[in-house]
């Protein structure tokens, strides 16, 4: 009888950032927004359950980004 071989899947090599080298702030890690946004957008569009675990988390954004987000919120309302 032929011996069966187990094939293991390993994830493709991806470029990762060593989070230990990024500056820490109050138990968190500073990461570029451009790195986080695509992942969050994909998670939202895929309706990932784990997002609900972080729904009440507070994040810190620059005042410039906050102003832009507030303007975007105002002008994207239906009928605006």
C-alpha atoms as a PDB file:
ATOM      1  CA  UNK A   1       0.000   0.000   0.000  1.00  0.00           C
ATOM      2  CA  UNK A   2       1.358   3.434  -0.912  1.00  0.00           C
ATOM      3  CA  UNK A   3       2.164   5.717   1.981  1.00  0.00           C
ATOM      4  CA  UNK A   4       0.092   8.904   2.040  1.00  0.00           C
ATOM      5  CA  UNK A   5       1.926  12.160   2.401  1.00  0.00           C
ATOM      6  CA  UNK A   6       0.552  15.043   4.391  1.00  0.00           C
ATOM      7  CA  UNK A   7       0.841  18.367   2.604  1.00  0.00           C
ATOM      8  CA  UNK A   8       0.969  21.424   4.795  1.00  0.00           C
ATOM      9  CA  UNK A   9      -0.173  24.787   3.537  1.00  0.00           C
ATOM     10  CA  UNK A  10       1.998  27.678   4.553  1.00  0.00           C
ATOM     11  CA  UNK A  11       0.861  31.199   3.954  1.00  0.00           C
ATOM     12  CA  UNK A  12       2.560  33.154   1.199  1.00  0.00           C
ATOM     13  CA  UNK A  13       5.476  35.334   2.136  1.00  0.00           C
ATOM     14  CA  UNK A  14       4.249  38.838   2.836  1.00  0.00           C
ATOM     15  CA  UNK A  15       6.145  41.904   3.871  1.00  0.00           C
ATOM     16  CA  UNK A  16       5.477  42.613   7.498  1.00  0.00           C
ATOM     17  CA  UNK A  17       6.456  45.414   9.811  1.00  0.00           C
ATOM     18  CA  UNK A  18       8.195  44.466  13.012  1.00  0.00           C
ATOM     19  CA  UNK A  19       5.746  46.034  15.428  1.00  0.00           C
ATOM     20  CA  UNK A  20       8.300  45.852  18.189  1.00  0.00           C
ATOM     21  CA  UNK A  21      10.307  48.507  16.320  1.00  0.00           C
ATOM     22  CA  UNK A  22       7.393  50.945  16.101  1.00  0.00           C
ATOM     23  CA  UNK A  23       6.896  53.560  18.823  1.00  0.00           C
ATOM     24  CA  UNK A  24       4.531  52.490  21.586  1.00  0.00           C
ATOM     25  CA  UNK A  25       1.997  54.836  23.131  1.00  0.00           C
ATOM     26  CA  UNK A  26      -0.034  53.976  26.233  1.00  0.00           C
ATOM     27  CA  UNK A  27      -0.018  50.249  25.590  1.00  0.00           C
ATOM     28  CA  UNK A  28      -0.649  50.685  21.869  1.00  0.00           C
ATOM     29  CA  UNK A  29       1.424  50.819  18.735  1.00  0.00           C
ATOM     30  CA  UNK A  30       1.630  53.634  16.209  1.00  0.00           C
ATOM     31  CA  UNK A  31       1.075  52.374  12.673  1.00  0.00           C
ATOM     32  CA  UNK A  32       0.617  54.280   9.432  1.00  0.00           C
ATOM     33  CA  UNK A  33      -3.039  54.785   8.557  1.00  0.00           C
ATOM     34  CA  UNK A  34      -2.331  53.541   5.037  1.00  0.00           C
ATOM     35  CA  UNK A  35      -1.392  50.159   6.485  1.00  0.00           C
ATOM     36  CA  UNK A  36      -4.530  49.839   8.617  1.00  0.00           C
ATOM     37  CA  UNK A  37      -7.202  51.206   6.269  1.00  0.00           C
ATOM     38  CA  UNK A  38      -7.119  48.460   3.617  1.00  0.00           C
ATOM     39  CA  UNK A  39      -7.353  45.799   6.314  1.00  0.00           C
ATOM     40  CA  UNK A  40     -10.262  47.515   8.070  1.00  0.00           C
ATOM     41  CA  UNK A  41     -12.055  48.188   4.779  1.00  0.00           C
ATOM     42  CA  UNK A  42     -11.767  44.511   3.853  1.00  0.00           C
ATOM     43  CA  UNK A  43     -12.950  43.440   7.310  1.00  0.00           C
ATOM     44  CA  UNK A  44     -15.971  45.767   7.099  1.00  0.00           C
ATOM     45  CA  UNK A  45     -16.909  44.654   3.586  1.00  0.00           C
ATOM     46  CA  UNK A  46     -16.525  41.013   4.654  1.00  0.00           C
ATOM     47  CA  UNK A  47     -18.606  41.690   7.793  1.00  0.00           C
ATOM     48  CA  UNK A  48     -15.999  40.136  10.075  1.00  0.00           C
ATOM     49  CA  UNK A  49     -17.349  39.328  13.516  1.00  0.00           C
ATOM     50  CA  UNK A  50     -14.195  40.382  15.349  1.00  0.00           C
ATOM     51  CA  UNK A  51     -14.857  44.025  14.439  1.00  0.00           C
ATOM     52  CA  UNK A  52     -17.657  44.059  17.019  1.00  0.00           C
ATOM     53  CA  UNK A  53     -15.087  43.236  19.699  1.00  0.00           C
ATOM     54  CA  UNK A  54     -13.396  46.562  19.028  1.00  0.00           C
ATOM     55  CA  UNK A  55     -16.445  48.739  18.318  1.00  0.00           C
ATOM     56  CA  UNK A  56     -16.087  50.607  21.624  1.00  0.00           C
ATOM     57  CA  UNK A  57     -12.320  51.074  21.378  1.00  0.00           C
ATOM     58  CA  UNK A  58     -11.127  54.657  21.358  1.00  0.00           C
ATOM     59  CA  UNK A  59      -8.539  55.690  18.797  1.00  0.00           C
ATOM     60  CA  UNK A  60      -6.508  58.857  18.466  1.00  0.00           C
ATOM     61  CA  UNK A  61      -6.520  60.726  15.169  1.00  0.00           C
ATOM     62  CA  UNK A  62      -4.910  64.008  14.223  1.00  0.00           C
ATOM     63  CA  UNK A  63      -7.093  67.095  14.391  1.00  0.00           C
ATOM     64  CA  UNK A  64      -6.728  67.529  10.611  1.00  0.00           C
ATOM     65  CA  UNK A  65      -8.039  64.032   9.934  1.00  0.00           C
ATOM     66  CA  UNK A  66     -10.853  64.552  12.437  1.00  0.00           C
ATOM     67  CA  UNK A  67     -11.935  67.750  10.625  1.00  0.00           C
ATOM     68  CA  UNK A  68     -11.906  65.967   7.273  1.00  0.00           C
ATOM     69  CA  UNK A  69     -13.922  63.059   8.676  1.00  0.00           C
ATOM     70  CA  UNK A  70     -16.497  65.426  10.182  1.00  0.00           C
ATOM     71  CA  UNK A  71     -16.872  67.271   6.877  1.00  0.00           C
ATOM     72  CA  UNK A  72     -17.179  63.957   5.037  1.00  0.00           C
ATOM     73  CA  UNK A  73     -19.844  62.788   7.488  1.00  0.00           C
ATOM     74  CA  UNK A  74     -21.789  66.014   6.988  1.00  0.00           C
ATOM     75  CA  UNK A  75     -21.707  65.986   3.183  1.00  0.00           C
ATOM     76  CA  UNK A  76     -22.371  62.290   2.653  1.00  0.00           C
ATOM     77  CA  UNK A  77     -25.750  62.421   4.365  1.00  0.00           C
ATOM     78  CA  UNK A  78     -28.606  61.572   1.990  1.00  0.00           C
ATOM     79  CA  UNK A  79     -30.140  64.728   0.594  1.00  0.00           C
ATOM     80  CA  UNK A  80     -27.149  66.885   1.540  1.00  0.00           C
END
